[in-house]
Amino acid sequence: MRVGVLIPSRDLFARGGKPPDPGLALAYAEAAEALGLDSVWLGDSLTSRPRLEPLAFLAAVAARTSRVRVGTAVLLPALRPPLPLAHTVGTVDYVSRGRLVLAMGVGGANQPDLMEEWKAAGVPPKQRASRLEETIEILRKLWTGRPVSHNGRYFQFGPVTVRPLPWNGHVPLLLGCHARTDSERQLRRAARLADGIISIGATPDQYRTIRERVWQYAREEGRDPTPFEAAYYVTVTLGADAASAEAEGHEFLRQYYNVDRWAAPLDFFLRPDAIAGKLQEYRQAGVDTLLVRFASYRPLEQLGLFAREVLPHLA
């Protein structure tokens, strides 16, 4: 199982005031590479969850690293016009020499601040999923390198080409498929359009079911799912004992999401040996890429502890 980590980007802004030196986030990415992690990832938000713009910052990360894959977890493509997005993606992939991975999602609209984010971007919230699907269609066309004309529901243009093209001719696309929603559309969307899946908030058994269904739907679409990537995003806090880890993790996430209290049964606030056992269960459920976010304001310390005491049991 390949293991990557989330670069602390929202953490820089979560407590208010002037954010610390951006070199800290770059140093985190460099440390992840040096410690043997497979990949580094950044989340996405425009107004509701202030953070670094993921693709812009991943270009800086790519210039400071040489081996790790650089990814979004997850990008919200519907917030962006597809042609500028294609241009940015091609540029980041060029800078990284083909190390970019785009995990994408529809994005939430179940809270007032999320609704306002979509409206501020000029996107009616009910159009999120269909805009995502059309954007992927456009990206795939543009990555052929041939002039593209498009006359879709939301976007019309052409014929145009966008350079640079991705380093290897395409960028892997993973699409969000989650246990907490019963939407068949997300599973069939991934089977039809993606190169794999990314999930969050699932038990190992739920994840296994999601993966099996997407792989089956892909075969029904005439696609071979053998090369698909199966990713899972997990939040952990490592501590000397479960009680101290839980207290730190809950306080971090309470501030991170600006809520009065935090309770998520599938976040793991435990000793390193116990966390290793929990994460092994996801490998057995079919996860081949694990994305780890540390719920802590001591991310470098957590990263080092994870690399020493957990990673050897997973990678």
C-alpha atoms as a PDB file:
ATOM      1  CA  MET A   1       0.000   0.000   0.000  1.00  0.00           C
ATOM      2  CA  ARG A   2       1.344   3.411  -0.978  1.00  0.00           C
ATOM      3  CA  VAL A   3       1.047   6.024   1.763  1.00  0.00           C
ATOM      4  CA  GLY A   4       0.863   9.788   1.340  1.00  0.00           C
ATOM      5  CA  VAL A   5       0.155  12.729   3.627  1.00  0.00           C
ATOM      6  CA  LEU A   6      -1.903  15.907   3.473  1.00  0.00           C
ATOM      7  CA  ILE A   7       0.174  19.082   3.522  1.00  0.00           C
ATOM      8  CA  PRO A   8      -1.149  21.375   6.270  1.00  0.00           C
ATOM      9  CA  SER A   9      -2.625  24.233   4.247  1.00  0.00           C
ATOM     10  CA  ARG A  10      -5.917  25.107   5.913  1.00  0.00           C
ATOM     11  CA  ASP A  11      -4.145  24.714   9.240  1.00  0.00           C
ATOM     12  CA  LEU A  12      -2.170  27.859   8.399  1.00  0.00           C
ATOM     13  CA  PHE A  13      -5.363  29.906   8.573  1.00  0.00           C
ATOM     14  CA  ALA A  14      -7.608  27.959  10.947  1.00  0.00           C
ATOM     15  CA  ARG A  15      -6.684  29.913  14.066  1.00  0.00           C
ATOM     16  CA  GLY A  16      -6.917  33.353  12.434  1.00  0.00           C
ATOM     17  CA  GLY A  17      -4.329  36.092  12.230  1.00  0.00           C
ATOM     18  CA  LYS A  18      -1.384  36.232   9.868  1.00  0.00           C
ATOM     19  CA  PRO A  19      -0.434  32.765   8.579  1.00  0.00           C
ATOM     20  CA  PRO A  20       3.053  31.511   9.378  1.00  0.00           C
ATOM     21  CA  ASP A  21       5.898  31.290   6.897  1.00  0.00           C
ATOM     22  CA  PRO A  22       4.804  29.266   3.816  1.00  0.00           C
ATOM     23  CA  GLY A  23       8.213  27.664   3.994  1.00  0.00           C
ATOM     24  CA  LEU A  24       6.804  25.505   6.781  1.00  0.00           C
ATOM     25  CA  ALA A  25       4.393  23.807   4.387  1.00  0.00           C
ATOM     26  CA  LEU A  26       7.161  23.366   1.809  1.00  0.00           C
ATOM     27  CA  ALA A  27       9.450  21.922   4.465  1.00  0.00           C
ATOM     28  CA  TYR A  28       6.684  19.494   5.386  1.00  0.00           C
ATOM     29  CA  ALA A  29       6.517  18.246   1.789  1.00  0.00           C
ATOM     30  CA  GLU A  30      10.297  17.883   1.641  1.00  0.00           C
ATOM     31  CA  ALA A  31      10.273  15.980   4.935  1.00  0.00           C
ATOM     32  CA  ALA A  32       7.562  13.625   3.654  1.00  0.00           C
ATOM     33  CA  GLU A  33       9.726  12.786   0.652  1.00  0.00           C
ATOM     34  CA  ALA A  34      12.847  12.304   2.751  1.00  0.00           C
ATOM     35  CA  LEU A  35      10.991  10.012   5.173  1.00  0.00           C
ATOM     36  CA  GLY A  36       9.838   7.670   2.401  1.00  0.00           C
ATOM     37  CA  LEU A  37       6.217   8.711   1.868  1.00  0.00           C
ATOM     38  CA  ASP A  38       4.799   8.119  -1.606  1.00  0.00           C
ATOM     39  CA  SER A  39       2.838  11.330  -2.116  1.00  0.00           C
ATOM     40  CA  VAL A  40       1.759  14.707  -0.743  1.00  0.00           C
ATOM     41  CA  TRP A  41      -1.718  16.179  -1.159  1.00  0.00           C
ATOM     42  CA  LEU A  42      -3.640  19.436  -0.747  1.00  0.00           C
ATOM     43  CA  GLY A  43      -7.331  20.103  -0.192  1.00  0.00           C
ATOM     44  CA  ASP A  44      -9.433  22.740  -1.941  1.00  0.00           C
ATOM     45  CA  SER A  45     -11.801  25.543  -0.979  1.00  0.00           C
ATOM     46  CA  LEU A  46     -12.457  29.047  -2.242  1.00  0.00           C
ATOM     47  CA  THR A  47     -14.177  31.007   0.537  1.00  0.00           C
ATOM     48  CA  SER A  48     -15.734  28.621   3.064  1.00  0.00           C
ATOM     49  CA  ARG A  49     -12.540  26.939   4.295  1.00  0.00           C
ATOM     50  CA  PRO A  50      -9.632  29.377   3.736  1.00  0.00           C
ATOM     51  CA  ARG A  51      -6.464  27.621   2.631  1.00  0.00           C
ATOM     52  CA  LEU A  52      -3.712  27.670   0.025  1.00  0.00           C
ATOM     53  CA  GLU A  53      -4.895  27.277  -3.576  1.00  0.00           C
ATOM     54  CA  PRO A  54      -3.914  23.655  -4.207  1.00  0.00           C
ATOM     55  CA  LEU A  55      -2.649  23.673  -7.774  1.00  0.00           C
ATOM     56  CA  ALA A  56      -0.663  26.872  -7.337  1.00  0.00           C
ATOM     57  CA  PHE A  57       1.035  25.552  -4.218  1.00  0.00           C
ATOM     58  CA  LEU A  58       1.625  22.100  -5.709  1.00  0.00           C
ATOM     59  CA  ALA A  59       3.711  23.774  -8.409  1.00  0.00           C
ATOM     60  CA  ALA A  60       5.978  25.068  -5.634  1.00  0.00           C
ATOM     61  CA  VAL A  61       6.009  21.639  -3.990  1.00  0.00           C
ATOM     62  CA  ALA A  62       6.910  19.992  -7.299  1.00  0.00           C
ATOM     63  CA  ALA A  63       9.854  22.351  -7.696  1.00  0.00           C
ATOM     64  CA  ARG A  64      11.128  21.469  -4.202  1.00  0.00           C
ATOM     65  CA  THR A  65      10.765  17.681  -4.518  1.00  0.00           C
ATOM     66  CA  SER A  66      11.830  15.057  -7.044  1.00  0.00           C
ATOM     67  CA  ARG A  67      10.089  11.784  -6.252  1.00  0.00           C
ATOM     68  CA  VAL A  68       6.769  12.102  -4.417  1.00  0.00           C
ATOM     69  CA  ARG A  69       3.569  12.322  -6.356  1.00  0.00           C
ATOM     70  CA  VAL A  70       1.734  15.608  -5.842  1.00  0.00           C
ATOM     71  CA  GLY A  71      -2.047  15.478  -5.631  1.00  0.00           C
ATOM     72  CA  THR A  72      -5.290  17.256  -4.813  1.00  0.00           C
ATOM     73  CA  ALA A  73      -7.578  15.723  -2.208  1.00  0.00           C
ATOM     74  CA  VAL A  74      -9.948  16.799  -3.320  1.00  0.00           C
ATOM     75  CA  LEU A  75     -10.110  19.410  -6.068  1.00  0.00           C
ATOM     76  CA  LEU A  76     -13.481  21.039  -6.796  1.00  0.00           C
ATOM     77  CA  PRO A  77     -13.317  21.493 -10.580  1.00  0.00           C
ATOM     78  CA  ALA A  78     -16.779  23.048 -10.812  1.00  0.00           C
ATOM     79  CA  LEU A  79     -15.393  26.167  -9.092  1.00  0.00           C
ATOM     80  CA  ARG A  80     -13.149  26.772 -12.135  1.00  0.00           C
ATOM     81  CA  PRO A  81     -13.674  27.314 -15.868  1.00  0.00           C
ATOM     82  CA  PRO A  82     -12.338  24.215 -17.670  1.00  0.00           C
ATOM     83  CA  LEU A  83      -9.904  25.871 -20.085  1.00  0.00           C
ATOM     84  CA  PRO A  84      -7.951  27.804 -17.421  1.00  0.00           C
ATOM     85  CA  LEU A  85      -8.077  24.651 -15.302  1.00  0.00           C
ATOM     86  CA  ALA A  86      -6.565  22.610 -18.140  1.00  0.00           C
ATOM     87  CA  HIS A  87      -3.832  25.214 -18.545  1.00  0.00           C
ATOM     88  CA  THR A  88      -2.969  25.151 -14.841  1.00  0.00           C
ATOM     89  CA  VAL A  89      -3.066  21.352 -14.633  1.00  0.00           C
ATOM     90  CA  GLY A  90      -0.784  21.028 -17.651  1.00  0.00           C
ATOM     91  CA  THR A  91       1.654  23.512 -16.149  1.00  0.00           C
ATOM     92  CA  VAL A  92       1.815  21.811 -12.745  1.00  0.00           C
ATOM     93  CA  ASP A  93       2.232  18.402 -14.345  1.00  0.00           C
ATOM     94  CA  TYR A  94       4.995  19.802 -16.552  1.00  0.00           C
ATOM     95  CA  VAL A  95       6.817  21.295 -13.544  1.00  0.00           C
ATOM     96  CA  SER A  96       6.496  17.997 -11.676  1.00  0.00           C
ATOM     97  CA  ARG A  97       7.530  15.918 -14.715  1.00  0.00           C
ATOM     98  CA  GLY A  98       4.369  13.854 -14.616  1.00  0.00           C
ATOM     99  CA  ARG A  99       3.864  13.460 -10.851  1.00  0.00           C
ATOM    100  CA  LEU A 100       0.464  15.177 -10.586  1.00  0.00           C
ATOM    101  CA  VAL A 101      -2.673  13.258  -9.512  1.00  0.00           C
ATOM    102  CA  LEU A 102      -6.093  14.908  -9.431  1.00  0.00           C
ATOM    103  CA  ALA A 103      -8.493  13.485  -6.877  1.00  0.00           C
ATOM    104  CA  MET A 104     -11.727  15.370  -7.551  1.00  0.00           C
ATOM    105  CA  GLY A 105     -15.119  15.737  -5.968  1.00  0.00           C
ATOM    106  CA  VAL A 106     -18.517  17.304  -6.430  1.00  0.00           C
ATOM    107  CA  GLY A 107     -18.107  19.256  -3.192  1.00  0.00           C
ATOM    108  CA  GLY A 108     -20.579  19.857  -0.412  1.00  0.00           C
ATOM    109  CA  ALA A 109     -23.489  22.302  -0.302  1.00  0.00           C
ATOM    110  CA  ASN A 110     -25.149  21.243   2.938  1.00  0.00           C
ATOM    111  CA  GLN A 111     -24.110  24.249   5.029  1.00  0.00           C
ATOM    112  CA  PRO A 112     -24.706  27.991   4.542  1.00  0.00           C
ATOM    113  CA  ASP A 113     -21.018  28.833   4.030  1.00  0.00           C
ATOM    114  CA  LEU A 114     -20.681  26.101   1.415  1.00  0.00           C
ATOM    115  CA  MET A 115     -23.778  27.326  -0.414  1.00  0.00           C
ATOM    116  CA  GLU A 116     -22.367  30.847  -0.447  1.00  0.00           C
ATOM    117  CA  GLU A 117     -19.057  29.586  -1.826  1.00  0.00           C
ATOM    118  CA  TRP A 118     -20.731  28.101  -4.899  1.00  0.00           C
ATOM    119  CA  LYS A 119     -22.866  31.193  -5.428  1.00  0.00           C
ATOM    120  CA  ALA A 120     -19.816  33.465  -5.136  1.00  0.00           C
ATOM    121  CA  ALA A 121     -18.133  31.426  -7.874  1.00  0.00           C
ATOM    122  CA  GLY A 122     -21.196  31.840 -10.101  1.00  0.00           C
ATOM    123  CA  VAL A 123     -22.159  28.159  -9.879  1.00  0.00           C
ATOM    124  CA  PRO A 124     -25.697  27.196  -8.839  1.00  0.00           C
ATOM    125  CA  PRO A 125     -25.169  24.469  -6.212  1.00  0.00           C
ATOM    126  CA  LYS A 126     -27.477  22.040  -8.018  1.00  0.00           C
ATOM    127  CA  GLN A 127     -25.171  22.140 -11.052  1.00  0.00           C
ATOM    128  CA  ARG A 128     -22.081  20.931  -9.185  1.00  0.00           C
ATOM    129  CA  ALA A 129     -22.137  17.315 -10.329  1.00  0.00           C
ATOM    130  CA  SER A 130     -23.058  17.927 -13.951  1.00  0.00           C
ATOM    131  CA  ARG A 131     -20.417  20.666 -14.272  1.00  0.00           C
ATOM    132  CA  LEU A 132     -17.824  18.289 -12.850  1.00  0.00           C
ATOM    133  CA  GLU A 133     -18.747  15.661 -15.422  1.00  0.00           C
ATOM    134  CA  GLU A 134     -18.593  18.105 -18.319  1.00  0.00           C
ATOM    135  CA  THR A 135     -15.255  19.467 -17.109  1.00  0.00           C
ATOM    136  CA  ILE A 136     -13.728  15.980 -17.092  1.00  0.00           C
ATOM    137  CA  GLU A 137     -15.027  15.412 -20.617  1.00  0.00           C
ATOM    138  CA  ILE A 138     -13.328  18.638 -21.729  1.00  0.00           C
ATOM    139  CA  LEU A 139     -10.035  17.817 -20.009  1.00  0.00           C
ATOM    140  CA  ARG A 140      -9.900  14.413 -21.663  1.00  0.00           C
ATOM    141  CA  LYS A 141     -10.477  15.989 -25.085  1.00  0.00           C
ATOM    142  CA  LEU A 142      -7.846  18.693 -24.576  1.00  0.00           C
ATOM    143  CA  TRP A 143      -5.255  16.159 -23.459  1.00  0.00           C
ATOM    144  CA  THR A 144      -5.337  14.536 -26.902  1.00  0.00           C
ATOM    145  CA  GLY A 145      -3.409  17.559 -28.181  1.00  0.00           C
ATOM    146  CA  ARG A 146      -5.775  18.003 -31.108  1.00  0.00           C
ATOM    147  CA  PRO A 147      -7.895  21.146 -31.629  1.00  0.00           C
ATOM    148  CA  VAL A 148     -11.072  20.808 -29.578  1.00  0.00           C
ATOM    149  CA  SER A 149     -14.520  22.245 -30.177  1.00  0.00           C
ATOM    150  CA  HIS A 150     -17.083  21.803 -27.450  1.00  0.00           C
ATOM    151  CA  ASN A 151     -20.766  22.631 -27.368  1.00  0.00           C
ATOM    152  CA  GLY A 152     -21.998  21.454 -24.000  1.00  0.00           C
ATOM    153  CA  ARG A 153     -24.610  22.378 -21.456  1.00  0.00           C
ATOM    154  CA  TYR A 154     -22.346  24.839 -19.616  1.00  0.00           C
ATOM    155  CA  PHE A 155     -19.360  25.478 -21.865  1.00  0.00           C
ATOM    156  CA  GLN A 156     -19.015  26.294 -25.552  1.00  0.00           C
ATOM    157  CA  PHE A 157     -15.761  27.030 -27.366  1.00  0.00           C
ATOM    158  CA  GLY A 158     -13.437  26.041 -30.145  1.00  0.00           C
ATOM    159  CA  PRO A 159     -11.570  24.921 -31.930  1.00  0.00           C
ATOM    160  CA  VAL A 160      -8.763  25.448 -29.394  1.00  0.00           C
ATOM    161  CA  THR A 161      -5.680  23.720 -28.039  1.00  0.00           C
ATOM    162  CA  VAL A 162      -4.151  24.227 -24.596  1.00  0.00           C
ATOM    163  CA  ARG A 163      -0.453  23.842 -23.851  1.00  0.00           C
ATOM    164  CA  PRO A 164       1.475  22.462 -22.102  1.00  0.00           C
ATOM    165  CA  LEU A 165      -0.016  19.008 -22.331  1.00  0.00           C
ATOM    166  CA  PRO A 166       0.419  16.667 -19.364  1.00  0.00           C
ATOM    167  CA  TRP A 167       3.900  15.169 -19.218  1.00  0.00           C
ATOM    168  CA  ASN A 168       2.695  11.611 -19.917  1.00  0.00           C
ATOM    169  CA  GLY A 169      -0.292  12.573 -22.069  1.00  0.00           C
ATOM    170  CA  HIS A 170      -2.813  12.586 -19.238  1.00  0.00           C
ATOM    171  CA  VAL A 171      -3.157  13.179 -15.491  1.00  0.00           C
ATOM    172  CA  PRO A 172      -4.715  10.403 -13.390  1.00  0.00           C
ATOM    173  CA  LEU A 173      -8.206  11.361 -12.211  1.00  0.00           C
ATOM    174  CA  LEU A 174      -9.721   9.908  -9.047  1.00  0.00           C
ATOM    175  CA  LEU A 175     -13.332  10.659  -8.172  1.00  0.00           C
ATOM    176  CA  GLY A 176     -14.965  10.826  -4.764  1.00  0.00           C
ATOM    177  CA  CYS A 177     -17.144   7.853  -3.810  1.00  0.00           C
ATOM    178  CA  HIS A 178     -18.384   7.966  -0.245  1.00  0.00           C
ATOM    179  CA  ALA A 179     -20.238   5.633   2.080  1.00  0.00           C
ATOM    180  CA  ARG A 180     -22.216   8.418   3.700  1.00  0.00           C
ATOM    181  CA  THR A 181     -24.302   8.983   0.588  1.00  0.00           C
ATOM    182  CA  ASP A 182     -26.425   6.401  -1.215  1.00  0.00           C
ATOM    183  CA  SER A 183     -26.070   8.076  -4.617  1.00  0.00           C
ATOM    184  CA  GLU A 184     -25.529   5.565  -7.404  1.00  0.00           C
ATOM    185  CA  ARG A 185     -24.527   8.451  -9.632  1.00  0.00           C
ATOM    186  CA  GLN A 186     -21.195   8.973  -7.902  1.00  0.00           C
ATOM    187  CA  LEU A 187     -20.248   5.302  -8.327  1.00  0.00           C
ATOM    188  CA  ARG A 188     -21.269   5.139 -11.978  1.00  0.00           C
ATOM    189  CA  ARG A 189     -19.580   8.509 -12.642  1.00  0.00           C
ATOM    190  CA  ALA A 190     -16.288   7.142 -11.364  1.00  0.00           C
ATOM    191  CA  ALA A 191     -16.675   3.939 -13.351  1.00  0.00           C
ATOM    192  CA  ARG A 192     -17.349   5.895 -16.534  1.00  0.00           C
ATOM    193  CA  LEU A 193     -14.989   8.865 -16.232  1.00  0.00           C
ATOM    194  CA  ALA A 194     -12.213   8.238 -13.699  1.00  0.00           C
ATOM    195  CA  ASP A 195      -8.977   6.318 -13.283  1.00  0.00           C
ATOM    196  CA  GLY A 196      -9.912   5.292  -9.766  1.00  0.00           C
ATOM    197  CA  ILE A 197     -11.685   6.379  -6.609  1.00  0.00           C
ATOM    198  CA  ILE A 198     -11.051   8.266  -3.395  1.00  0.00           C
ATOM    199  CA  SER A 199     -13.229   7.820  -0.333  1.00  0.00           C
ATOM    200  CA  ILE A 200     -13.511   9.126   3.208  1.00  0.00           C
ATOM    201  CA  GLY A 201     -15.586   8.198   6.247  1.00  0.00           C
ATOM    202  CA  ALA A 202     -16.035   4.524   5.354  1.00  0.00           C
ATOM    203  CA  THR A 203     -15.472   1.415   7.398  1.00  0.00           C
ATOM    204  CA  PRO A 204     -13.232  -1.191   5.746  1.00  0.00           C
ATOM    205  CA  ASP A 205     -16.300  -3.236   4.810  1.00  0.00           C
ATOM    206  CA  GLN A 206     -18.035  -0.193   3.328  1.00  0.00           C
ATOM    207  CA  TYR A 207     -14.916   0.680   1.372  1.00  0.00           C
ATOM    208  CA  ARG A 208     -14.650  -2.845  -0.009  1.00  0.00           C
ATOM    209  CA  THR A 209     -18.259  -2.630  -1.217  1.00  0.00           C
ATOM    210  CA  ILE A 210     -17.720   0.773  -2.857  1.00  0.00           C
ATOM    211  CA  ARG A 211     -14.622  -0.463  -4.646  1.00  0.00           C
ATOM    212  CA  GLU A 212     -16.256  -3.659  -5.853  1.00  0.00           C
ATOM    213  CA  ARG A 213     -19.288  -1.817  -7.212  1.00  0.00           C
ATOM    214  CA  VAL A 214     -17.244   0.787  -9.095  1.00  0.00           C
ATOM    215  CA  TRP A 215     -15.005  -1.895 -10.575  1.00  0.00           C
ATOM    216  CA  GLN A 216     -18.092  -3.867 -11.678  1.00  0.00           C
ATOM    217  CA  TYR A 217     -19.731  -0.792 -13.213  1.00  0.00           C
ATOM    218  CA  ALA A 218     -16.492  -0.076 -15.083  1.00  0.00           C
ATOM    219  CA  ARG A 219     -16.587  -3.530 -16.621  1.00  0.00           C
ATOM    220  CA  GLU A 220     -20.204  -2.913 -17.631  1.00  0.00           C
ATOM    221  CA  GLU A 221     -18.984   0.275 -19.353  1.00  0.00           C
ATOM    222  CA  GLY A 222     -16.456  -1.777 -21.310  1.00  0.00           C
ATOM    223  CA  ARG A 223     -13.526  -0.479 -19.260  1.00  0.00           C
ATOM    224  CA  ASP A 224     -10.829  -2.606 -17.643  1.00  0.00           C
ATOM    225  CA  PRO A 225     -10.555  -1.503 -13.977  1.00  0.00           C
ATOM    226  CA  THR A 226      -7.314  -3.412 -13.376  1.00  0.00           C
ATOM    227  CA  PRO A 227      -5.134  -0.249 -13.449  1.00  0.00           C
ATOM    228  CA  PHE A 228      -7.592   1.825 -11.380  1.00  0.00           C
ATOM    229  CA  GLU A 229      -6.268   3.389  -8.193  1.00  0.00           C
ATOM    230  CA  ALA A 230      -8.184   2.864  -4.947  1.00  0.00           C
ATOM    231  CA  ALA A 231      -7.463   5.678  -2.477  1.00  0.00           C
ATOM    232  CA  TYR A 232      -8.731   6.365   1.023  1.00  0.00           C
ATOM    233  CA  TYR A 233      -8.398   9.564   3.098  1.00  0.00           C
ATOM    234  CA  VAL A 234      -8.066   9.129   6.853  1.00  0.00           C
ATOM    235  CA  THR A 235      -7.542  11.539   9.756  1.00  0.00           C
ATOM    236  CA  VAL A 236      -5.293  10.462  12.614  1.00  0.00           C
ATOM    237  CA  THR A 237      -3.622  11.849  15.725  1.00  0.00           C
ATOM    238  CA  LEU A 238      -0.745   9.926  17.276  1.00  0.00           C
ATOM    239  CA  GLY A 239      -0.267  10.095  21.027  1.00  0.00           C
ATOM    240  CA  ALA A 240       1.422   8.372  23.941  1.00  0.00           C
ATOM    241  CA  ASP A 241      -2.040   7.149  24.927  1.00  0.00           C
ATOM    242  CA  ALA A 242      -5.499   7.195  23.381  1.00  0.00           C
ATOM    243  CA  ALA A 243      -6.881   9.823  25.761  1.00  0.00           C
ATOM    244  CA  SER A 244      -4.229  12.451  24.989  1.00  0.00           C
ATOM    245  CA  ALA A 245      -4.409  11.742  21.249  1.00  0.00           C
ATOM    246  CA  GLU A 246      -8.188  12.072  21.276  1.00  0.00           C
ATOM    247  CA  ALA A 247      -8.096  15.354  23.187  1.00  0.00           C
ATOM    248  CA  GLU A 248      -5.583  16.834  20.745  1.00  0.00           C
ATOM    249  CA  GLY A 249      -7.378  15.546  17.661  1.00  0.00           C
ATOM    250  CA  HIS A 250     -10.814  16.721  18.736  1.00  0.00           C
ATOM    251  CA  GLU A 251      -9.576  20.204  19.633  1.00  0.00           C
ATOM    252  CA  PHE A 252      -7.751  20.543  16.319  1.00  0.00           C
ATOM    253  CA  LEU A 253     -10.784  19.484  14.290  1.00  0.00           C
ATOM    254  CA  ARG A 254     -13.118  21.664  16.330  1.00  0.00           C
ATOM    255  CA  GLN A 255     -11.047  24.714  15.394  1.00  0.00           C
ATOM    256  CA  TYR A 256     -10.420  23.452  11.861  1.00  0.00           C
ATOM    257  CA  TYR A 257     -14.118  23.196  11.069  1.00  0.00           C
ATOM    258  CA  ASN A 258     -15.232  25.988  13.390  1.00  0.00           C
ATOM    259  CA  VAL A 259     -17.720  23.828  15.283  1.00  0.00           C
ATOM    260  CA  ASP A 260     -18.579  23.590  18.977  1.00  0.00           C
ATOM    261  CA  ARG A 261     -17.566  19.938  19.194  1.00  0.00           C
ATOM    262  CA  TRP A 262     -16.202  17.242  16.933  1.00  0.00           C
ATOM    263  CA  ALA A 263     -17.258  13.624  16.777  1.00  0.00           C
ATOM    264  CA  ALA A 264     -16.304  11.350  13.905  1.00  0.00           C
ATOM    265  CA  PRO A 265     -16.051   7.643  14.711  1.00  0.00           C
ATOM    266  CA  LEU A 266     -13.775   6.882  11.744  1.00  0.00           C
ATOM    267  CA  ASP A 267     -11.013   9.283  12.751  1.00  0.00           C
ATOM    268  CA  PHE A 268      -8.277   7.516  14.700  1.00  0.00           C
ATOM    269  CA  PHE A 269      -6.779   9.160  17.791  1.00  0.00           C
ATOM    270  CA  LEU A 270      -4.578   6.394  19.182  1.00  0.00           C
ATOM    271  CA  ARG A 271      -1.128   5.125  19.993  1.00  0.00           C
ATOM    272  CA  PRO A 272       0.992   4.438  16.861  1.00  0.00           C
ATOM    273  CA  ASP A 273       0.767   0.660  17.191  1.00  0.00           C
ATOM    274  CA  ALA A 274      -3.027   0.784  17.435  1.00  0.00           C
ATOM    275  CA  ILE A 275      -3.282   3.116  14.439  1.00  0.00           C
ATOM    276  CA  ALA A 276      -1.110   0.771  12.384  1.00  0.00           C
ATOM    277  CA  GLY A 277      -3.545  -2.050  13.087  1.00  0.00           C
ATOM    278  CA  LYS A 278      -6.558   0.048  12.109  1.00  0.00           C
ATOM    279  CA  LEU A 279      -4.948   1.167   8.841  1.00  0.00           C
ATOM    280  CA  GLN A 280      -3.953  -2.401   7.960  1.00  0.00           C
ATOM    281  CA  GLU A 281      -7.652  -3.191   7.799  1.00  0.00           C
ATOM    282  CA  TYR A 282      -8.051  -0.746   4.917  1.00  0.00           C
ATOM    283  CA  ARG A 283      -5.250  -2.389   2.973  1.00  0.00           C
ATOM    284  CA  GLN A 284      -7.084  -5.675   3.365  1.00  0.00           C
ATOM    285  CA  ALA A 285     -10.253  -3.955   2.088  1.00  0.00           C
ATOM    286  CA  GLY A 286      -8.536  -3.036  -1.192  1.00  0.00           C
ATOM    287  CA  VAL A 287      -6.995   0.372  -0.493  1.00  0.00           C
ATOM    288  CA  ASP A 288      -3.778   0.749  -2.459  1.00  0.00           C
ATOM    289  CA  THR A 289      -3.195   4.466  -1.737  1.00  0.00           C
ATOM    290  CA  LEU A 290      -3.708   5.781   1.784  1.00  0.00           C
ATOM    291  CA  LEU A 291      -3.844   9.546   2.390  1.00  0.00           C
ATOM    292  CA  VAL A 292      -3.155  10.519   5.988  1.00  0.00           C
ATOM    293  CA  ARG A 293      -4.087  13.857   7.539  1.00  0.00           C
ATOM    294  CA  PHE A 294      -2.732  14.623  10.988  1.00  0.00           C
ATOM    295  CA  ALA A 295      -5.214  16.380  13.271  1.00  0.00           C
ATOM    296  CA  SER A 296      -2.540  18.261  15.145  1.00  0.00           C
ATOM    297  CA  TYR A 297      -0.827  21.633  15.273  1.00  0.00           C
ATOM    298  CA  ARG A 298       2.431  19.666  15.479  1.00  0.00           C
ATOM    299  CA  PRO A 299       2.366  18.212  11.954  1.00  0.00           C
ATOM    300  CA  LEU A 300       6.121  17.745  11.506  1.00  0.00           C
ATOM    301  CA  GLU A 301       6.353  15.930  14.822  1.00  0.00           C
ATOM    302  CA  GLN A 302       3.366  13.758  13.906  1.00  0.00           C
ATOM    303  CA  LEU A 303       4.861  13.051  10.470  1.00  0.00           C
ATOM    304  CA  GLY A 304       8.159  11.900  11.957  1.00  0.00           C
ATOM    305  CA  LEU A 305       6.439   9.672  14.506  1.00  0.00           C
ATOM    306  CA  PHE A 306       4.202   8.193  11.817  1.00  0.00           C
ATOM    307  CA  ALA A 307       7.152   7.488   9.514  1.00  0.00           C
ATOM    308  CA  ARG A 308       9.103   5.755  12.286  1.00  0.00           C
ATOM    309  CA  GLU A 309       6.397   3.762  14.000  1.00  0.00           C
ATOM    310  CA  VAL A 310       3.489   3.284  11.570  1.00  0.00           C
ATOM    311  CA  LEU A 311       4.765   3.446   7.998  1.00  0.00           C
ATOM    312  CA  PRO A 312       6.961   0.307   8.254  1.00  0.00           C
ATOM    313  CA  HIS A 313       3.795  -1.713   8.969  1.00  0.00           C
ATOM    314  CA  LEU A 314       1.986  -0.344   5.889  1.00  0.00           C
ATOM    315  CA  ALA A 315       4.385   0.371   3.036  1.00  0.00           C
END
